[in-house]
N, C-alpha and C. Protein backbone atom coordinates (compact mmCIF):
# COMPACT_ATOMS: atom_id res chain seq x y z
N MET A 1 -4.95 -21.25 -3.58
CA MET A 1 -4.67 -22.27 -3.06
C MET A 1 -5.40 -23.16 -1.56
N GLY A 2 -6.37 -21.99 -1.23
CA GLY A 2 -7.06 -22.12 -0.01
C GLY A 2 -6.45 -22.26 1.35
N ILE A 3 -5.21 -21.51 1.35
CA ILE A 3 -4.45 -21.74 2.51
C ILE A 3 -4.68 -20.25 3.33
N ARG A 4 -5.26 -20.31 4.51
CA ARG A 4 -5.28 -18.97 5.02
C ARG A 4 -4.11 -18.97 6.07
N ALA A 5 -4.01 -17.43 6.45
CA ALA A 5 -2.95 -17.50 7.64
C ALA A 5 -3.47 -17.29 8.88
N ALA A 6 -2.64 -17.67 9.98
CA ALA A 6 -3.18 -17.80 11.30
C ALA A 6 -3.25 -16.52 11.92
N ALA A 7 -2.29 -15.65 11.29
CA ALA A 7 -2.32 -14.21 11.85
C ALA A 7 -1.18 -13.36 10.82
N VAL A 8 -1.77 -12.13 10.66
CA VAL A 8 -0.62 -11.13 10.35
C VAL A 8 -0.75 -10.00 10.66
N ASP A 9 0.67 -9.19 10.91
CA ASP A 9 0.74 -8.30 11.64
C ASP A 9 1.76 -7.24 11.06
N GLY A 10 1.38 -5.89 11.06
CA GLY A 10 2.26 -4.76 10.45
C GLY A 10 1.66 -4.60 9.26
N ALA A 11 0.71 -4.92 8.63
CA ALA A 11 0.37 -4.70 7.14
C ALA A 11 0.11 -3.37 6.99
N GLU A 12 -0.51 -2.80 8.14
CA GLU A 12 -1.23 -1.53 8.48
C GLU A 12 -0.44 -0.53 8.03
N GLU A 13 1.11 -0.46 8.71
CA GLU A 13 2.33 0.24 8.78
C GLU A 13 2.84 0.46 7.28
N GLY A 14 2.76 -0.93 6.38
CA GLY A 14 3.09 -0.91 5.08
C GLY A 14 4.63 -1.02 4.85
N SER A 15 5.81 -1.12 5.89
CA SER A 15 7.03 -1.19 5.74
C SER A 15 7.45 -2.79 6.07
N TRP A 16 6.74 -3.27 6.83
CA TRP A 16 7.05 -4.71 7.17
C TRP A 16 6.11 -5.46 7.68
N ALA A 17 5.62 -6.50 7.31
CA ALA A 17 4.23 -7.24 7.39
C ALA A 17 4.87 -8.79 7.69
N VAL A 18 4.43 -9.52 8.74
CA VAL A 18 4.58 -10.64 9.16
C VAL A 18 3.26 -11.31 8.96
N VAL A 19 3.47 -12.70 8.04
CA VAL A 19 2.33 -13.40 8.10
C VAL A 19 2.68 -14.98 8.48
N ASP A 20 1.64 -15.41 9.24
CA ASP A 20 2.21 -16.41 10.10
C ASP A 20 0.96 -17.66 9.65
N TYR A 21 1.91 -18.64 8.83
CA TYR A 21 1.21 -19.86 8.49
C TYR A 21 1.13 -21.11 9.12
N GLY A 22 1.61 -20.80 10.48
CA GLY A 22 2.15 -22.21 11.34
C GLY A 22 3.54 -22.70 11.30
N PRO A 23 3.78 -23.38 10.38
CA PRO A 23 4.83 -23.82 10.37
C PRO A 23 6.09 -23.23 9.38
N VAL A 24 5.47 -22.12 8.63
CA VAL A 24 5.97 -21.01 7.96
C VAL A 24 5.55 -19.79 8.39
N VAL A 25 6.51 -18.77 8.56
CA VAL A 25 6.31 -17.68 8.60
C VAL A 25 6.84 -16.60 7.93
N LEU A 26 5.91 -15.85 6.99
CA LEU A 26 6.49 -14.83 5.95
C LEU A 26 7.05 -13.77 6.37
N HIS A 27 8.03 -13.33 6.10
CA HIS A 27 8.30 -11.78 6.21
C HIS A 27 8.22 -11.00 4.95
N VAL A 28 7.47 -9.93 4.62
CA VAL A 28 7.30 -8.89 3.62
C VAL A 28 7.74 -7.97 3.78
N PHE A 29 8.77 -7.27 3.32
CA PHE A 29 9.50 -5.80 3.62
C PHE A 29 9.41 -4.89 2.49
N GLN A 30 9.29 -3.44 2.80
CA GLN A 30 9.82 -2.72 1.82
C GLN A 30 11.47 -2.59 1.78
N ALA A 31 11.88 -2.02 0.75
CA ALA A 31 13.39 -2.05 0.69
C ALA A 31 14.44 -1.54 1.90
N LYS A 32 13.78 -0.48 2.22
CA LYS A 32 14.41 0.39 3.58
C LYS A 32 14.46 -0.65 4.82
N SER A 33 13.32 -1.01 5.10
CA SER A 33 13.10 -2.04 6.01
C SER A 33 14.12 -3.29 6.16
N ARG A 34 13.93 -3.84 4.87
CA ARG A 34 14.81 -5.06 5.04
C ARG A 34 15.93 -5.13 4.86
N GLU A 35 16.62 -3.67 4.44
CA GLU A 35 18.07 -3.40 4.74
C GLU A 35 18.23 -3.05 6.23
N PHE A 36 17.41 -2.30 6.87
CA PHE A 36 17.40 -2.19 8.04
C PHE A 36 17.75 -3.23 9.23
N TYR A 37 16.74 -4.20 9.17
CA TYR A 37 16.71 -5.40 9.99
C TYR A 37 17.60 -6.47 9.75
N ASP A 38 17.75 -6.51 8.39
CA ASP A 38 18.87 -7.30 7.99
C ASP A 38 18.68 -9.03 8.21
N LEU A 39 17.66 -9.48 8.18
CA LEU A 39 17.34 -10.68 8.83
C LEU A 39 18.01 -12.11 8.05
N GLU A 40 18.81 -11.68 7.05
CA GLU A 40 19.59 -12.75 6.71
C GLU A 40 20.70 -12.98 7.54
N MET A 41 21.35 -12.00 8.14
CA MET A 41 22.40 -11.68 8.95
C MET A 41 21.85 -12.47 10.25
N LEU A 42 20.79 -12.03 10.84
CA LEU A 42 20.27 -12.65 11.91
C LEU A 42 20.00 -14.11 12.01
N TRP A 43 19.48 -14.36 10.93
CA TRP A 43 19.09 -15.87 10.84
C TRP A 43 19.82 -16.72 10.16
N GLY A 44 21.20 -16.04 9.68
CA GLY A 44 22.41 -16.75 8.70
C GLY A 44 22.52 -18.04 8.89
N ASP A 45 22.51 -18.64 10.09
CA ASP A 45 22.78 -20.10 10.43
C ASP A 45 21.62 -21.01 10.26
N GLY A 46 20.59 -20.47 10.02
CA GLY A 46 19.29 -21.37 10.05
C GLY A 46 19.55 -21.97 8.46
N LYS A 47 18.59 -23.29 8.25
CA LYS A 47 18.63 -24.29 7.15
C LYS A 47 18.02 -23.50 5.84
N LYS A 48 18.46 -23.38 5.11
CA LYS A 48 18.05 -22.67 3.77
C LYS A 48 17.25 -23.82 2.81
N ILE A 49 16.12 -23.45 2.55
CA ILE A 49 15.20 -24.39 1.82
C ILE A 49 14.88 -23.73 0.31
N ARG A 50 15.21 -24.27 -0.71
CA ARG A 50 14.96 -23.91 -2.03
C ARG A 50 13.50 -24.30 -2.35
N TRP A 51 12.42 -23.38 -2.87
CA TRP A 51 11.33 -23.27 -2.89
C TRP A 51 10.81 -22.61 -4.50
N ALA A 52 9.96 -23.61 -5.26
CA ALA A 52 9.54 -22.76 -6.35
C ALA A 52 8.13 -22.89 -6.23
N ALA A 53 7.24 -22.08 -7.08
CA ALA A 53 5.93 -21.90 -7.13
C ALA A 53 5.35 -23.37 -8.04
N PRO A 54 4.45 -23.56 -7.44
CA PRO A 54 3.79 -24.73 -8.53
C PRO A 54 3.50 -24.31 -9.68
N LYS A 55 3.66 -24.92 -10.81
CA LYS A 55 3.31 -24.57 -11.86
C LYS A 55 1.85 -24.45 -12.32
N ARG A 56 1.78 -23.56 -12.74
CA ARG A 56 0.02 -23.37 -13.18
C ARG A 56 -0.32 -24.00 -14.41
N LYS A 57 -1.40 -24.54 -14.63
CA LYS A 57 -2.19 -25.14 -15.66
C LYS A 57 -2.15 -24.09 -16.76
N ALA A 58 -1.93 -24.46 -18.16
CA ALA A 58 -2.12 -23.51 -19.17
C ALA A 58 -3.72 -23.28 -19.07
N LYS A 59 -4.14 -22.02 -19.80
CA LYS A 59 -5.40 -22.00 -19.92
C LYS A 59 -6.17 -23.02 -20.64
N ALA A 60 -5.56 -23.25 -21.77
CA ALA A 60 -6.40 -24.45 -22.62
C ALA A 60 -6.49 -25.62 -21.81
N ASP A 61 -5.77 -25.95 -20.84
CA ASP A 61 -5.73 -27.04 -20.11
C ASP A 61 -7.04 -26.84 -19.27
N GLU A 62 -7.03 -25.82 -18.77
CA GLU A 62 -8.39 -25.56 -17.65
C GLU A 62 -9.85 -25.46 -18.29
N GLU A 63 -9.68 -25.11 -19.41
CA GLU A 63 -10.88 -25.16 -20.31
C GLU A 63 -11.50 -26.42 -20.76
N GLU A 64 -10.46 -27.38 -20.72
CA GLU A 64 -10.93 -29.06 -20.97
C GLU A 64 -11.80 -29.57 -19.97
């Protein structure tokens, strides 16, 4: 999609990485780190936003 992160931190350690896209900050966890930090509880009062990946074109559509 051509979107680049402004910053990435923690990817070297491999248990928790933070990727900053400006208005969106992405946290990627291994299962044990996710359980330990429990961000859902910390940010539980935040606004929840439903998100779905954009639909990809079928391979036949891309060839036309």
